[in-house]
């Protein structure tokens, strides 16, 4: 049996596991250049990506974990994870009330702008 000791800070382990680095921004930029269909689909979701980015920035600036925000909102951490992931999936968009609670939990105020 292989001992799974960590061999270095790059998460290489004795069994040969080596994580593959993934940069979603670079990957998306490459796919946008090479696929008109991907570009169209990606652009159609731009507002949702921006909304998700705003949520994550607010949480990070507040120095909070998902668990922290969930507790402040009165929901469980898995519910909060679904709220954050729902913006990119289009399966269910959070209500304005939910977004207001999220903002308040992060010490922010929800502001909506149309440009």
Protein backbone atom coordinates (compact mmCIF):
# COMPACT_ATOMS: atom_id res chain seq x y z
CA UNK A 1 0.00 0.00 0.00
CA UNK A 2 1.31 3.43 -0.94
CA UNK A 3 1.87 5.91 1.86
CA UNK A 4 0.04 9.12 0.90
CA UNK A 5 2.48 11.50 2.51
CA UNK A 6 2.60 14.97 1.09
CA UNK A 7 5.93 15.37 -0.67
CA UNK A 8 5.84 19.12 -1.30
CA UNK A 9 3.74 22.24 -1.07
CA UNK A 10 2.40 21.58 -4.58
CA UNK A 11 0.23 18.74 -3.22
CA UNK A 12 2.28 16.04 -4.94
CA UNK A 13 1.84 12.79 -3.06
CA UNK A 14 3.63 9.47 -3.02
CA UNK A 15 1.05 7.76 -5.26
CA UNK A 16 1.84 10.11 -8.15
CA UNK A 17 -1.21 12.37 -7.81
CA UNK A 18 -0.50 15.77 -9.28
CA UNK A 19 -3.34 18.30 -9.43
CA UNK A 20 -3.82 20.04 -12.74
CA UNK A 21 -3.88 23.80 -12.37
CA UNK A 22 -7.04 25.40 -13.74
CA UNK A 23 -7.57 29.09 -14.37
CA UNK A 24 -11.24 29.63 -15.27
CA UNK A 25 -10.66 33.15 -16.65
CA UNK A 26 -7.94 31.99 -19.02
CA UNK A 27 -9.95 28.94 -20.02
CA UNK A 28 -13.05 31.03 -20.76
CA UNK A 29 -11.01 33.59 -22.72
CA UNK A 30 -9.51 30.82 -24.87
CA UNK A 31 -12.88 29.19 -25.49
CA UNK A 32 -14.43 32.56 -26.38
CA UNK A 33 -11.77 33.08 -29.06
CA UNK A 34 -12.21 29.60 -30.51
CA UNK A 35 -15.96 29.02 -30.32
CA UNK A 36 -18.68 31.40 -31.49
CA UNK A 37 -21.31 29.30 -29.70
CA UNK A 38 -19.39 29.44 -26.42
CA UNK A 39 -18.87 33.18 -26.84
CA UNK A 40 -22.59 33.76 -27.38
CA UNK A 41 -23.59 31.60 -24.41
CA UNK A 42 -20.97 33.19 -22.16
CA UNK A 43 -22.01 36.72 -23.10
CA UNK A 44 -25.66 35.86 -22.44
CA UNK A 45 -24.74 35.04 -18.83
CA UNK A 46 -22.54 38.10 -18.25
CA UNK A 47 -24.99 39.72 -15.83
CA UNK A 48 -25.19 36.55 -13.74
CA UNK A 49 -21.40 36.21 -13.61
CA UNK A 50 -21.17 39.83 -12.46
CA UNK A 51 -23.83 39.27 -9.78
CA UNK A 52 -22.04 36.16 -8.49
CA UNK A 53 -18.75 38.04 -8.53
CA UNK A 54 -20.31 40.84 -6.49
CA UNK A 55 -21.57 38.35 -3.89
CA UNK A 56 -18.20 36.66 -3.57
CA UNK A 57 -16.34 39.99 -3.36
CA UNK A 58 -18.71 41.21 -0.64
CA UNK A 59 -18.18 38.02 1.37
CA UNK A 60 -14.40 38.18 0.92
CA UNK A 61 -14.22 41.88 1.84
CA UNK A 62 -16.21 41.11 4.99
CA UNK A 63 -13.77 38.30 5.80
CA UNK A 64 -16.61 35.80 6.08
CA UNK A 65 -16.99 32.14 5.17
CA UNK A 66 -20.11 30.65 3.63
CA UNK A 67 -20.94 29.30 7.09
CA UNK A 68 -20.64 32.79 8.60
CA UNK A 69 -22.95 34.38 6.01
CA UNK A 70 -25.40 31.48 6.25
CA UNK A 71 -25.62 31.87 10.03
CA UNK A 72 -26.22 35.61 9.73
CA UNK A 73 -28.93 34.97 7.13
CA UNK A 74 -30.58 32.24 9.20
CA UNK A 75 -29.97 29.49 6.64
CA UNK A 76 -27.64 26.50 6.46
CA UNK A 77 -24.29 26.55 4.64
CA UNK A 78 -25.55 24.21 1.87
CA UNK A 79 -28.44 26.61 1.23
CA UNK A 80 -25.98 29.48 0.93
CA UNK A 81 -23.82 27.44 -1.45
CA UNK A 82 -26.91 26.88 -3.62
CA UNK A 83 -27.66 30.61 -3.58
CA UNK A 84 -24.13 31.39 -4.77
CA UNK A 85 -24.11 28.65 -7.40
CA UNK A 86 -27.62 29.36 -8.67
CA UNK A 87 -26.50 32.56 -10.35
CA UNK A 88 -24.34 30.63 -12.78
CA UNK A 89 -26.73 27.75 -13.34
CA UNK A 90 -29.91 29.65 -14.25
CA UNK A 91 -31.89 26.91 -12.52
CA UNK A 92 -33.17 29.26 -9.85
CA UNK A 93 -32.35 32.89 -9.36
CA UNK A 94 -32.35 34.17 -5.80
CA UNK A 95 -35.07 36.69 -4.93
CA UNK A 96 -34.30 40.32 -4.21
CA UNK A 97 -35.17 39.64 -0.58
CA UNK A 98 -32.54 36.90 -0.46
CA UNK A 99 -29.94 39.13 -2.11
CA UNK A 100 -30.74 41.89 0.41
CA UNK A 101 -30.22 39.42 3.29
CA UNK A 102 -26.93 38.29 1.77
CA UNK A 103 -25.75 41.89 1.39
CA UNK A 104 -26.79 42.73 4.96
CA UNK A 105 -25.01 39.63 6.28
CA UNK A 106 -21.84 40.96 4.64
CA UNK A 107 -22.36 44.47 6.03
CA UNK A 108 -23.37 45.80 2.60
CA UNK A 109 -26.45 47.27 0.96
CA UNK A 110 -27.93 45.83 -2.21
CA UNK A 111 -27.90 48.35 -5.07
CA UNK A 112 -29.27 47.56 -8.54
CA UNK A 113 -28.32 49.65 -11.57
CA UNK A 114 -29.39 49.57 -15.16
CA UNK A 115 -26.93 50.81 -17.77
